[in-house]
Amino acid sequence: MMPERPRLLTTESCVRYLLGDGPRPPALAGGSKAEWERWRREFGKALRGRLGPFPEKGDLRAEIGPPEQIEGCVRRHLLFDPDPFSTVAAWLLEPADLDPGNDRRAGILYAHGHGPGKDPAVGIGDEDYQHRMALRLCQRGYVVIAPDWRGFGERRDRPEWVRPGRDGCNVGYLAMGYFGYQMLGLNIHDAQVCLDLLQEHPHVDPERLGMIGCSFGGTMTSYTAALDDRIRAAVPVCYLSTLFSALTEQNGNTCGAQYSPGLLTDGDIPSVLGLIAPRPQMVQIARGDDCFRYPDAALAAEHLAAIYEAAGARDALELHVFVGVHEIDVEPALAFFERTL
């Protein structure tokens, strides 16, 4: 007897079969506050567990470079060890008008996306889709830390090691997997150490921390804010989407740095952003984004709004749709942080 379904020889055909007819609705039965609290607890625990072990924090061996004056800000190079086997390179930006006395500002963790790493966001090199956002935040009075994620910027691996023509994110993910680590989990761990440093900064109010990033930076913002309540306000940019779109019409639009094991068994990308509720969140969606496409992002936004509604915090979610491409819409993001931090 012939099978009822077609033969599924390729990985793509297997994935499409498993996905079914379309994106999955928010995993909230009934949508009440009590049901949301239970969902948040259970989904948050499952998500954290699937991201693998986070390494132990040890001696940071922090090394800070000399000050550089740039457009109303002071920029310093920073090196620190987030765990016994890694080193993070970052930029620390401070407003030049900081009072050496008891002047406490809000702190922002800036997450770069794919590309050369942290440098364009702090005013080094050519401007890109991030529009020098870390520098602009500092000019508005925030203390900002902008790290390189693993495999980018000063942490980029040799081309020979990742092998020409391959995505360095994927090679790094596979290599660290041999030790039981998930690349996304390791980067979230690095982000949490950055939050530690912000909280310890003498001119940062430890209760006023925010995070923003575009594309892969949006991934980092979403997951870090989902798992760390110290982030009081989050702006994920050009990331909200569904895995159905990523794995079908977007032809496998994912990479090792953004891979979240087993996510579709519990929810989807809107579920991750939903863990940020009831804290304030501005989700930026560009109509002309060719990486995370608008129609799919709009559908994902409906799912996210339903989660915030269930949390009794719909007013804390701002869905900012703008006419643009794969980029940060700067001024609305700055205004959001002014309102929420």
C-alpha atoms as a PDB file:
ATOM      1  CA  MET A   1       0.000   0.000   0.000  1.00  0.00           C
ATOM      2  CA  MET A   2       1.321   3.453  -0.925  1.00  0.00           C
ATOM      3  CA  PRO A   3       1.859   5.849   1.982  1.00  0.00           C
ATOM      4  CA  GLU A   4      -0.799   8.549   2.498  1.00  0.00           C
ATOM      5  CA  ARG A   5       1.793  11.304   2.480  1.00  0.00           C
ATOM      6  CA  PRO A   6       4.421  11.983  -0.190  1.00  0.00           C
ATOM      7  CA  ARG A   7       7.984  10.818   0.255  1.00  0.00           C
ATOM      8  CA  LEU A   8      10.012  13.371   2.215  1.00  0.00           C
ATOM      9  CA  LEU A   9      13.585  12.989   1.043  1.00  0.00           C
ATOM     10  CA  THR A  10      15.084  16.412   1.767  1.00  0.00           C
ATOM     11  CA  THR A  11      15.460  18.248   5.057  1.00  0.00           C
ATOM     12  CA  GLU A  12      13.385  21.095   3.634  1.00  0.00           C
ATOM     13  CA  SER A  13      10.509  18.756   2.850  1.00  0.00           C
ATOM     14  CA  CYS A  14      10.689  17.315   6.374  1.00  0.00           C
ATOM     15  CA  VAL A  15      10.619  20.812   7.868  1.00  0.00           C
ATOM     16  CA  ARG A  16       7.649  21.897   5.772  1.00  0.00           C
ATOM     17  CA  TYR A  17       5.753  18.753   6.765  1.00  0.00           C
ATOM     18  CA  LEU A  18       6.462  19.335  10.462  1.00  0.00           C
ATOM     19  CA  LEU A  19       5.439  22.992  10.229  1.00  0.00           C
ATOM     20  CA  GLY A  20       2.032  22.145   8.839  1.00  0.00           C
ATOM     21  CA  ASP A  21      -0.157  24.844   7.358  1.00  0.00           C
ATOM     22  CA  GLY A  22       1.224  27.946   9.023  1.00  0.00           C
ATOM     23  CA  PRO A  23       2.516  29.789  12.077  1.00  0.00           C
ATOM     24  CA  ARG A  24       1.343  28.578  15.437  1.00  0.00           C
ATOM     25  CA  PRO A  25      -0.922  30.742  17.581  1.00  0.00           C
ATOM     26  CA  PRO A  26       0.266  32.001  20.972  1.00  0.00           C
ATOM     27  CA  ALA A  27       0.518  29.148  23.458  1.00  0.00           C
ATOM     28  CA  LEU A  28      -1.971  30.644  25.900  1.00  0.00           C
ATOM     29  CA  ALA A  29      -5.107  28.712  26.827  1.00  0.00           C
ATOM     30  CA  GLY A  30      -7.888  31.234  27.426  1.00  0.00           C
ATOM     31  CA  GLY A  31      -5.569  34.204  27.840  1.00  0.00           C
ATOM     32  CA  SER A  32      -6.325  35.031  31.491  1.00  0.00           C
ATOM     33  CA  LYS A  33      -3.795  36.584  33.858  1.00  0.00           C
ATOM     34  CA  ALA A  34      -3.455  33.334  35.833  1.00  0.00           C
ATOM     35  CA  GLU A  35      -2.975  31.316  32.662  1.00  0.00           C
ATOM     36  CA  TRP A  36      -0.375  33.824  31.445  1.00  0.00           C
ATOM     37  CA  GLU A  37       1.544  33.549  34.719  1.00  0.00           C
ATOM     38  CA  ARG A  38       1.590  29.762  34.416  1.00  0.00           C
ATOM     39  CA  TRP A  39       2.606  29.936  30.753  1.00  0.00           C
ATOM     40  CA  ARG A  40       5.373  32.446  31.483  1.00  0.00           C
ATOM     41  CA  ARG A  41       6.777  30.269  34.246  1.00  0.00           C
ATOM     42  CA  GLU A  42       6.662  27.033  32.242  1.00  0.00           C
ATOM     43  CA  PHE A  43       7.783  28.438  28.891  1.00  0.00           C
ATOM     44  CA  GLY A  44      10.549  30.508  30.480  1.00  0.00           C
ATOM     45  CA  LYS A  45      11.895  27.459  32.281  1.00  0.00           C
ATOM     46  CA  ALA A  46      11.788  25.349  29.105  1.00  0.00           C
ATOM     47  CA  LEU A  47      13.454  28.053  27.013  1.00  0.00           C
ATOM     48  CA  ARG A  48      16.257  28.571  29.507  1.00  0.00           C
ATOM     49  CA  GLY A  49      16.850  24.839  29.810  1.00  0.00           C
ATOM     50  CA  ARG A  50      17.119  24.300  26.075  1.00  0.00           C
ATOM     51  CA  LEU A  51      19.723  27.029  25.692  1.00  0.00           C
ATOM     52  CA  GLY A  52      22.190  24.723  27.386  1.00  0.00           C
ATOM     53  CA  PRO A  53      24.418  25.358  30.379  1.00  0.00           C
ATOM     54  CA  PHE A  54      25.669  28.867  30.992  1.00  0.00           C
ATOM     55  CA  PRO A  55      29.321  28.928  32.047  1.00  0.00           C
ATOM     56  CA  GLU A  56      30.371  29.948  35.525  1.00  0.00           C
ATOM     57  CA  LYS A  57      31.405  33.555  36.028  1.00  0.00           C
ATOM     58  CA  GLY A  58      34.909  34.013  37.348  1.00  0.00           C
ATOM     59  CA  ASP A  59      37.467  36.765  37.599  1.00  0.00           C
ATOM     60  CA  LEU A  60      36.505  39.317  34.934  1.00  0.00           C
ATOM     61  CA  ARG A  61      40.085  40.624  34.668  1.00  0.00           C
ATOM     62  CA  ALA A  62      38.529  43.822  33.316  1.00  0.00           C
ATOM     63  CA  GLU A  63      40.878  46.070  31.368  1.00  0.00           C
ATOM     64  CA  ILE A  64      39.698  49.533  30.339  1.00  0.00           C
ATOM     65  CA  GLY A  65      41.482  51.689  27.798  1.00  0.00           C
ATOM     66  CA  PRO A  66      42.176  55.435  27.757  1.00  0.00           C
ATOM     67  CA  PRO A  67      39.327  57.895  27.107  1.00  0.00           C
ATOM     68  CA  GLU A  68      38.607  59.122  23.592  1.00  0.00           C
ATOM     69  CA  GLN A  69      36.476  62.233  23.094  1.00  0.00           C
ATOM     70  CA  ILE A  70      33.856  61.804  20.360  1.00  0.00           C
ATOM     71  CA  GLU A  71      30.896  64.094  19.659  1.00  0.00           C
ATOM     72  CA  GLY A  72      29.929  64.840  23.251  1.00  0.00           C
ATOM     73  CA  CYS A  73      30.812  61.382  24.548  1.00  0.00           C
ATOM     74  CA  VAL A  74      33.760  59.613  26.099  1.00  0.00           C
ATOM     75  CA  ARG A  75      34.543  56.260  24.477  1.00  0.00           C
ATOM     76  CA  ARG A  76      36.712  53.633  26.153  1.00  0.00           C
ATOM     77  CA  HIS A  77      37.765  50.204  24.933  1.00  0.00           C
ATOM     78  CA  LEU A  78      36.954  47.403  27.344  1.00  0.00           C
ATOM     79  CA  LEU A  79      38.158  43.808  27.675  1.00  0.00           C
ATOM     80  CA  PHE A  80      36.818  41.334  30.222  1.00  0.00           C
ATOM     81  CA  ASP A  81      36.503  37.586  30.710  1.00  0.00           C
ATOM     82  CA  PRO A  82      32.845  36.496  31.105  1.00  0.00           C
ATOM     83  CA  ASP A  83      33.880  32.907  31.874  1.00  0.00           C
ATOM     84  CA  PRO A  84      37.079  30.859  32.267  1.00  0.00           C
ATOM     85  CA  PHE A  85      37.446  30.248  28.501  1.00  0.00           C
ATOM     86  CA  SER A  86      36.373  33.482  26.762  1.00  0.00           C
ATOM     87  CA  THR A  87      37.128  37.195  26.444  1.00  0.00           C
ATOM     88  CA  VAL A  88      34.704  39.946  25.413  1.00  0.00           C
ATOM     89  CA  ALA A  89      35.786  43.094  23.616  1.00  0.00           C
ATOM     90  CA  ALA A  90      33.404  46.025  24.057  1.00  0.00           C
ATOM     91  CA  TRP A  91      33.062  49.791  23.896  1.00  0.00           C
ATOM     92  CA  LEU A  92      31.955  51.765  26.931  1.00  0.00           C
ATOM     93  CA  LEU A  93      30.351  55.110  26.114  1.00  0.00           C
ATOM     94  CA  GLU A  94      29.751  57.795  28.746  1.00  0.00           C
ATOM     95  CA  PRO A  95      28.240  61.269  28.291  1.00  0.00           C
ATOM     96  CA  ALA A  96      30.984  63.884  28.450  1.00  0.00           C
ATOM     97  CA  ASP A  97      28.870  66.024  30.815  1.00  0.00           C
ATOM     98  CA  LEU A  98      28.734  63.435  33.623  1.00  0.00           C
ATOM     99  CA  ASP A  99      29.053  65.094  37.011  1.00  0.00           C
ATOM    100  CA  PRO A 100      31.893  63.358  38.894  1.00  0.00           C
ATOM    101  CA  GLY A 101      29.712  63.481  41.988  1.00  0.00           C
ATOM    102  CA  ASN A 102      26.445  61.612  42.443  1.00  0.00           C
ATOM    103  CA  ASP A 103      25.296  61.694  38.795  1.00  0.00           C
ATOM    104  CA  ARG A 104      23.358  58.498  37.988  1.00  0.00           C
ATOM    105  CA  ARG A 105      22.067  57.822  34.495  1.00  0.00           C
ATOM    106  CA  ALA A 106      20.156  54.994  32.874  1.00  0.00           C
ATOM    107  CA  GLY A 107      22.353  52.320  31.278  1.00  0.00           C
ATOM    108  CA  ILE A 108      21.807  50.747  27.860  1.00  0.00           C
ATOM    109  CA  LEU A 109      23.187  47.487  26.505  1.00  0.00           C
ATOM    110  CA  TYR A 110      23.538  47.889  22.741  1.00  0.00           C
ATOM    111  CA  ALA A 111      23.444  44.691  20.652  1.00  0.00           C
ATOM    112  CA  HIS A 112      25.005  44.786  17.192  1.00  0.00           C
ATOM    113  CA  GLY A 113      23.720  42.640  14.347  1.00  0.00           C
ATOM    114  CA  HIS A 114      25.450  40.763  11.540  1.00  0.00           C
ATOM    115  CA  GLY A 115      28.325  42.674   9.997  1.00  0.00           C
ATOM    116  CA  PRO A 116      31.638  43.958  11.360  1.00  0.00           C
ATOM    117  CA  GLY A 117      30.528  43.934  14.988  1.00  0.00           C
ATOM    118  CA  LYS A 118      30.261  46.728  17.523  1.00  0.00           C
ATOM    119  CA  ASP A 119      32.315  49.459  15.783  1.00  0.00           C
ATOM    120  CA  PRO A 120      29.786  51.116  13.405  1.00  0.00           C
ATOM    121  CA  ALA A 121      27.311  51.567  16.263  1.00  0.00           C
ATOM    122  CA  VAL A 122      29.836  53.666  18.218  1.00  0.00           C
ATOM    123  CA  GLY A 123      30.919  55.856  15.308  1.00  0.00           C
ATOM    124  CA  ILE A 124      33.869  53.878  13.943  1.00  0.00           C
ATOM    125  CA  GLY A 125      33.957  53.130  10.227  1.00  0.00           C
ATOM    126  CA  ASP A 126      31.124  53.580   7.774  1.00  0.00           C
ATOM    127  CA  GLU A 127      27.588  54.075   9.040  1.00  0.00           C
ATOM    128  CA  ASP A 128      25.309  51.103   8.415  1.00  0.00           C
ATOM    129  CA  TYR A 129      21.768  49.949   9.183  1.00  0.00           C
ATOM    130  CA  GLN A 130      22.374  50.606  12.892  1.00  0.00           C
ATOM    131  CA  HIS A 131      22.746  54.378  12.302  1.00  0.00           C
ATOM    132  CA  ARG A 132      25.427  54.807  15.011  1.00  0.00           C
ATOM    133  CA  MET A 133      22.752  54.002  17.573  1.00  0.00           C
ATOM    134  CA  ALA A 134      25.049  53.357  20.540  1.00  0.00           C
ATOM    135  CA  LEU A 135      26.680  56.758  20.044  1.00  0.00           C
ATOM    136  CA  ARG A 136      23.307  58.459  19.664  1.00  0.00           C
ATOM    137  CA  LEU A 137      22.103  56.915  22.910  1.00  0.00           C
ATOM    138  CA  CYS A 138      25.159  58.238  24.700  1.00  0.00           C
ATOM    139  CA  GLN A 139      24.589  61.692  23.228  1.00  0.00           C
ATOM    140  CA  ARG A 140      21.098  61.583  24.780  1.00  0.00           C
ATOM    141  CA  GLY A 141      22.621  61.023  28.215  1.00  0.00           C
ATOM    142  CA  TYR A 142      22.823  57.240  28.623  1.00  0.00           C
ATOM    143  CA  VAL A 143      25.823  55.183  29.681  1.00  0.00           C
ATOM    144  CA  VAL A 144      26.147  52.535  26.961  1.00  0.00           C
ATOM    145  CA  ILE A 145      28.057  49.292  26.642  1.00  0.00           C
ATOM    146  CA  ALA A 146      28.373  47.766  23.162  1.00  0.00           C
ATOM    147  CA  PRO A 147      30.093  44.350  23.084  1.00  0.00           C
ATOM    148  CA  ASP A 148      31.198  42.150  20.216  1.00  0.00           C
ATOM    149  CA  TRP A 149      29.229  38.913  20.192  1.00  0.00           C
ATOM    150  CA  ARG A 150      31.106  35.673  19.620  1.00  0.00           C
ATOM    151  CA  GLY A 151      32.413  35.409  16.068  1.00  0.00           C
ATOM    152  CA  PHE A 152      32.111  39.145  15.269  1.00  0.00           C
ATOM    153  CA  GLY A 153      34.384  42.173  15.359  1.00  0.00           C
ATOM    154  CA  GLU A 154      37.465  41.592  17.482  1.00  0.00           C
ATOM    155  CA  ARG A 155      36.102  38.132  18.242  1.00  0.00           C
ATOM    156  CA  ARG A 156      35.877  37.092  14.589  1.00  0.00           C
ATOM    157  CA  ASP A 157      37.524  33.769  13.772  1.00  0.00           C
ATOM    158  CA  ARG A 158      40.156  33.217  11.092  1.00  0.00           C
ATOM    159  CA  PRO A 159      38.648  32.608   7.632  1.00  0.00           C
ATOM    160  CA  GLU A 160      40.678  29.394   7.396  1.00  0.00           C
ATOM    161  CA  TRP A 161      39.125  28.097  10.611  1.00  0.00           C
ATOM    162  CA  VAL A 162      35.500  28.716   9.640  1.00  0.00           C
ATOM    163  CA  ARG A 163      36.387  27.705   6.053  1.00  0.00           C
ATOM    164  CA  PRO A 164      35.674  30.025   3.099  1.00  0.00           C
ATOM    165  CA  GLY A 165      32.087  30.145   1.923  1.00  0.00           C
ATOM    166  CA  ARG A 166      30.610  28.994   5.227  1.00  0.00           C
ATOM    167  CA  ASP A 167      28.747  31.080   7.783  1.00  0.00           C
ATOM    168  CA  GLY A 168      31.072  31.659  10.732  1.00  0.00           C
ATOM    169  CA  CYS A 169      28.010  31.638  13.026  1.00  0.00           C
ATOM    170  CA  ASN A 170      27.290  28.047  12.040  1.00  0.00           C
ATOM    171  CA  VAL A 171      30.855  26.825  12.483  1.00  0.00           C
ATOM    172  CA  GLY A 172      31.146  28.491  15.886  1.00  0.00           C
ATOM    173  CA  TYR A 173      27.812  27.023  16.953  1.00  0.00           C
ATOM    174  CA  LEU A 174      28.849  23.514  15.959  1.00  0.00           C
ATOM    175  CA  ALA A 175      32.282  23.791  17.564  1.00  0.00           C
ATOM    176  CA  MET A 176      30.948  24.966  20.938  1.00  0.00           C
ATOM    177  CA  GLY A 177      28.251  22.306  20.758  1.00  0.00           C
ATOM    178  CA  TYR A 178      30.909  19.645  21.203  1.00  0.00           C
ATOM    179  CA  PHE A 179      31.396  21.044  24.703  1.00  0.00           C
ATOM    180  CA  GLY A 180      27.655  21.069  25.421  1.00  0.00           C
ATOM    181  CA  TYR A 181      27.147  24.803  24.851  1.00  0.00           C
ATOM    182  CA  GLN A 182      24.654  26.631  22.650  1.00  0.00           C
ATOM    183  CA  MET A 183      26.079  29.706  20.908  1.00  0.00           C
ATOM    184  CA  LEU A 184      22.953  31.741  21.630  1.00  0.00           C
ATOM    185  CA  GLY A 185      23.152  30.777  25.298  1.00  0.00           C
ATOM    186  CA  LEU A 186      26.809  31.797  25.476  1.00  0.00           C
ATOM    187  CA  ASN A 187      26.039  35.184  23.937  1.00  0.00           C
ATOM    188  CA  ILE A 188      23.167  35.706  26.391  1.00  0.00           C
ATOM    189  CA  HIS A 189      25.609  34.888  29.179  1.00  0.00           C
ATOM    190  CA  ASP A 190      27.996  37.550  27.805  1.00  0.00           C
ATOM    191  CA  ALA A 191      25.103  40.015  27.694  1.00  0.00           C
ATOM    192  CA  GLN A 192      24.256  39.319  31.330  1.00  0.00           C
ATOM    193  CA  VAL A 193      27.842  40.021  32.356  1.00  0.00           C
ATOM    194  CA  CYS A 194      27.556  43.318  30.459  1.00  0.00           C
ATOM    195  CA  LEU A 195      24.482  44.070  32.566  1.00  0.00           C
ATOM    196  CA  ASP A 196      26.533  43.299  35.681  1.00  0.00           C
ATOM    197  CA  LEU A 197      29.117  45.845  34.548  1.00  0.00           C
ATOM    198  CA  LEU A 198      26.470  48.472  33.896  1.00  0.00           C
ATOM    199  CA  GLN A 199      24.947  47.946  37.327  1.00  0.00           C
ATOM    200  CA  GLU A 200      28.371  48.318  38.931  1.00  0.00           C
ATOM    201  CA  HIS A 201      29.197  51.504  36.996  1.00  0.00           C
ATOM    202  CA  PRO A 202      29.407  54.448  39.434  1.00  0.00           C
ATOM    203  CA  HIS A 203      27.272  56.648  37.170  1.00  0.00           C
ATOM    204  CA  VAL A 204      24.513  54.130  36.336  1.00  0.00           C
ATOM    205  CA  ASP A 205      21.260  53.677  38.227  1.00  0.00           C
ATOM    206  CA  PRO A 206      21.152  49.849  38.501  1.00  0.00           C
ATOM    207  CA  GLU A 207      17.339  49.886  38.370  1.00  0.00           C
ATOM    208  CA  ARG A 208      17.231  51.704  35.003  1.00  0.00           C
ATOM    209  CA  LEU A 209      18.665  49.362  32.373  1.00  0.00           C
ATOM    210  CA  GLY A 210      17.528  49.023  28.775  1.00  0.00           C
ATOM    211  CA  MET A 211      18.562  47.088  25.681  1.00  0.00           C
ATOM    212  CA  ILE A 212      18.240  47.599  21.928  1.00  0.00           C
ATOM    213  CA  GLY A 213      19.482  45.926  18.757  1.00  0.00           C
ATOM    214  CA  CYS A 214      18.571  45.303  15.121  1.00  0.00           C
ATOM    215  CA  SER A 215      18.415  41.965  13.264  1.00  0.00           C
ATOM    216  CA  PHE A 216      20.719  39.563  15.147  1.00  0.00           C
ATOM    217  CA  GLY A 217      20.875  42.416  17.664  1.00  0.00           C
ATOM    218  CA  GLY A 218      17.092  42.116  17.866  1.00  0.00           C
ATOM    219  CA  THR A 219      17.500  38.418  18.582  1.00  0.00           C
ATOM    220  CA  MET A 220      19.925  39.199  21.390  1.00  0.00           C
ATOM    221  CA  THR A 221      17.660  41.908  22.785  1.00  0.00           C
ATOM    222  CA  SER A 222      14.634  39.610  22.714  1.00  0.00           C
ATOM    223  CA  TYR A 223      16.253  36.616  24.403  1.00  0.00           C
ATOM    224  CA  THR A 224      18.283  38.566  26.947  1.00  0.00           C
ATOM    225  CA  ALA A 225      15.307  40.673  28.027  1.00  0.00           C
ATOM    226  CA  ALA A 226      13.110  37.564  28.093  1.00  0.00           C
ATOM    227  CA  LEU A 227      15.450  35.815  30.523  1.00  0.00           C
ATOM    228  CA  ASP A 228      16.765  38.747  32.573  1.00  0.00           C
ATOM    229  CA  ASP A 229      14.301  41.001  34.383  1.00  0.00           C
ATOM    230  CA  ARG A 230      16.999  43.599  35.000  1.00  0.00           C
ATOM    231  CA  ILE A 231      16.220  44.942  31.535  1.00  0.00           C
ATOM    232  CA  ARG A 232      13.393  47.345  32.292  1.00  0.00           C
ATOM    233  CA  ALA A 233      12.753  48.443  28.690  1.00  0.00           C
ATOM    234  CA  ALA A 234      13.587  46.635  25.435  1.00  0.00           C
ATOM    235  CA  VAL A 235      13.617  47.609  21.748  1.00  0.00           C
ATOM    236  CA  PRO A 236      14.030  44.609  19.407  1.00  0.00           C
ATOM    237  CA  VAL A 237      14.282  45.939  15.849  1.00  0.00           C
ATOM    238  CA  CYS A 238      13.601  44.068  12.594  1.00  0.00           C
ATOM    239  CA  TYR A 239      13.479  40.657  14.251  1.00  0.00           C
ATOM    240  CA  LEU A 240       9.871  39.873  15.225  1.00  0.00           C
ATOM    241  CA  SER A 241       8.736  37.139  12.843  1.00  0.00           C
ATOM    242  CA  THR A 242       7.677  33.505  12.771  1.00  0.00           C
ATOM    243  CA  LEU A 243       9.843  30.470  12.207  1.00  0.00           C
ATOM    244  CA  PHE A 244       7.294  29.306   9.633  1.00  0.00           C
ATOM    245  CA  SER A 245       8.333  32.245   7.424  1.00  0.00           C
ATOM    246  CA  ALA A 246      12.043  31.817   8.181  1.00  0.00           C
ATOM    247  CA  LEU A 247      12.018  28.147   7.220  1.00  0.00           C
ATOM    248  CA  THR A 248       9.721  28.361   4.183  1.00  0.00           C
ATOM    249  CA  GLU A 249       9.363  31.595   2.178  1.00  0.00           C
ATOM    250  CA  GLN A 250      12.673  32.899   3.554  1.00  0.00           C
ATOM    251  CA  ASN A 251      14.513  29.712   2.528  1.00  0.00           C
ATOM    252  CA  GLY A 252      16.057  28.807   5.866  1.00  0.00           C
ATOM    253  CA  ASN A 253      16.698  32.320   7.197  1.00  0.00           C
ATOM    254  CA  THR A 254      18.522  31.357  10.381  1.00  0.00           C
ATOM    255  CA  CYS A 255      22.072  30.788  11.621  1.00  0.00           C
ATOM    256  CA  GLY A 256      23.977  29.191  14.450  1.00  0.00           C
ATOM    257  CA  ALA A 257      24.180  32.400  16.480  1.00  0.00           C
ATOM    258  CA  GLN A 258      20.380  32.777  16.517  1.00  0.00           C
ATOM    259  CA  TYR A 259      19.393  29.131  16.835  1.00  0.00           C
ATOM    260  CA  SER A 260      17.122  28.303  19.777  1.00  0.00           C
ATOM    261  CA  PRO A 261      16.834  24.515  20.235  1.00  0.00           C
ATOM    262  CA  GLY A 262      13.336  23.094  20.348  1.00  0.00           C
ATOM    263  CA  LEU A 263      11.603  26.467  20.213  1.00  0.00           C
ATOM    264  CA  LEU A 264       8.766  25.217  17.996  1.00  0.00           C
ATOM    265  CA  THR A 265       7.892  22.512  20.509  1.00  0.00           C
ATOM    266  CA  ASP A 266       6.838  25.221  23.010  1.00  0.00           C
ATOM    267  CA  GLY A 267       6.027  28.319  20.977  1.00  0.00           C
ATOM    268  CA  ASP A 268       7.641  30.596  18.399  1.00  0.00           C
ATOM    269  CA  ILE A 269       9.587  33.845  18.189  1.00  0.00           C
ATOM    270  CA  PRO A 270       6.616  35.952  19.443  1.00  0.00           C
ATOM    271  CA  SER A 271       6.557  33.714  22.524  1.00  0.00           C
ATOM    272  CA  VAL A 272      10.133  34.727  23.354  1.00  0.00           C
ATOM    273  CA  LEU A 273       9.304  38.415  23.118  1.00  0.00           C
ATOM    274  CA  GLY A 274       6.166  37.679  25.154  1.00  0.00           C
ATOM    275  CA  LEU A 275       8.319  36.714  28.140  1.00  0.00           C
ATOM    276  CA  ILE A 276       9.322  40.384  28.392  1.00  0.00           C
ATOM    277  CA  ALA A 277       5.766  41.281  29.454  1.00  0.00           C
ATOM    278  CA  PRO A 278       4.679  43.165  31.503  1.00  0.00           C
ATOM    279  CA  ARG A 279       7.800  45.301  31.062  1.00  0.00           C
ATOM    280  CA  PRO A 280       7.766  48.048  28.403  1.00  0.00           C
ATOM    281  CA  GLN A 281       8.776  46.961  24.922  1.00  0.00           C
ATOM    282  CA  MET A 282       8.894  48.734  21.567  1.00  0.00           C
ATOM    283  CA  VAL A 283       8.993  46.332  18.625  1.00  0.00           C
ATOM    284  CA  GLN A 284      10.141  48.026  15.429  1.00  0.00           C
ATOM    285  CA  ILE A 285       8.883  46.567  12.137  1.00  0.00           C
ATOM    286  CA  ALA A 286      10.020  47.973   8.777  1.00  0.00           C
ATOM    287  CA  ARG A 287       7.614  47.681   5.864  1.00  0.00           C
ATOM    288  CA  GLY A 288      10.503  47.364   3.416  1.00  0.00           C
ATOM    289  CA  ASP A 289      12.510  44.806   5.421  1.00  0.00           C
ATOM    290  CA  ASP A 290      13.703  42.074   3.064  1.00  0.00           C
ATOM    291  CA  CYS A 291      15.092  39.930   5.885  1.00  0.00           C
ATOM    292  CA  PHE A 292      12.123  39.739   8.267  1.00  0.00           C
ATOM    293  CA  ARG A 293       9.237  40.545   5.964  1.00  0.00           C
ATOM    294  CA  TYR A 294       6.402  42.833   6.952  1.00  0.00           C
ATOM    295  CA  PRO A 295       3.337  40.578   6.389  1.00  0.00           C
ATOM    296  CA  ASP A 296       4.839  37.856   8.561  1.00  0.00           C
ATOM    297  CA  ALA A 297       6.051  40.353  11.170  1.00  0.00           C
ATOM    298  CA  ALA A 298       2.538  41.825  11.366  1.00  0.00           C
ATOM    299  CA  LEU A 299       1.101  38.367  12.040  1.00  0.00           C
ATOM    300  CA  ALA A 300       3.746  37.728  14.706  1.00  0.00           C
ATOM    301  CA  ALA A 301       2.866  41.104  16.238  1.00  0.00           C
ATOM    302  CA  GLU A 302      -0.736  39.939  16.673  1.00  0.00           C
ATOM    303  CA  HIS A 303       0.500  36.903  18.593  1.00  0.00           C
ATOM    304  CA  LEU A 304       2.752  39.070  20.749  1.00  0.00           C
ATOM    305  CA  ALA A 305      -0.073  41.524  21.456  1.00  0.00           C
ATOM    306  CA  ALA A 306      -2.257  38.625  22.624  1.00  0.00           C
ATOM    307  CA  ILE A 307       0.395  37.649  25.170  1.00  0.00           C
ATOM    308  CA  TYR A 308       0.677  41.205  26.488  1.00  0.00           C
ATOM    309  CA  GLU A 309      -3.129  41.346  26.652  1.00  0.00           C
ATOM    310  CA  ALA A 310      -3.197  38.179  28.730  1.00  0.00           C
ATOM    311  CA  ALA A 311      -0.582  39.696  31.036  1.00  0.00           C
ATOM    312  CA  GLY A 312      -2.814  42.739  31.570  1.00  0.00           C
ATOM    313  CA  ALA A 313      -0.081  44.927  30.075  1.00  0.00           C
ATOM    314  CA  ARG A 314      -1.204  45.698  26.515  1.00  0.00           C
ATOM    315  CA  ASP A 315      -0.345  49.376  26.974  1.00  0.00           C
ATOM    316  CA  ALA A 316       3.285  48.442  27.721  1.00  0.00           C
ATOM    317  CA  LEU A 317       3.741  47.067  24.189  1.00  0.00           C
ATOM    318  CA  GLU A 318       4.425  49.532  21.367  1.00  0.00           C
ATOM    319  CA  LEU A 319       4.288  48.078  17.872  1.00  0.00           C
ATOM    320  CA  HIS A 320       6.127  50.632  15.785  1.00  0.00           C
ATOM    321  CA  VAL A 321       5.683  50.036  12.052  1.00  0.00           C
ATOM    322  CA  PHE A 322       7.708  52.423   9.904  1.00  0.00           C
ATOM    323  CA  VAL A 323       8.494  53.052   6.250  1.00  0.00           C
ATOM    324  CA  GLY A 324      12.050  51.808   5.992  1.00  0.00           C
ATOM    325  CA  VAL A 325      14.235  48.814   5.272  1.00  0.00           C
ATOM    326  CA  HIS A 326      16.302  46.538   7.505  1.00  0.00           C
ATOM    327  CA  GLU A 327      17.411  49.276   9.904  1.00  0.00           C
ATOM    328  CA  ILE A 328      16.780  51.071  13.188  1.00  0.00           C
ATOM    329  CA  ASP A 329      14.239  53.886  13.280  1.00  0.00           C
ATOM    330  CA  VAL A 330      16.326  56.047  15.596  1.00  0.00           C
ATOM    331  CA  GLU A 331      14.158  58.846  16.961  1.00  0.00           C
ATOM    332  CA  PRO A 332      11.155  56.715  18.046  1.00  0.00           C
ATOM    333  CA  ALA A 333      13.541  54.387  19.889  1.00  0.00           C
ATOM    334  CA  LEU A 334      15.186  57.303  21.682  1.00  0.00           C
ATOM    335  CA  ALA A 335      11.781  58.698  22.636  1.00  0.00           C
ATOM    336  CA  PHE A 336      10.719  55.278  23.958  1.00  0.00           C
ATOM    337  CA  PHE A 337      13.704  55.076  26.292  1.00  0.00           C
ATOM    338  CA  GLU A 338      13.053  58.631  27.483  1.00  0.00           C
ATOM    339  CA  ARG A 339       9.500  57.580  28.453  1.00  0.00           C
ATOM    340  CA  THR A 340      10.381  54.268  30.057  1.00  0.00           C
ATOM    341  CA  LEU A 341      13.807  54.737  31.699  1.00  0.00           C
END
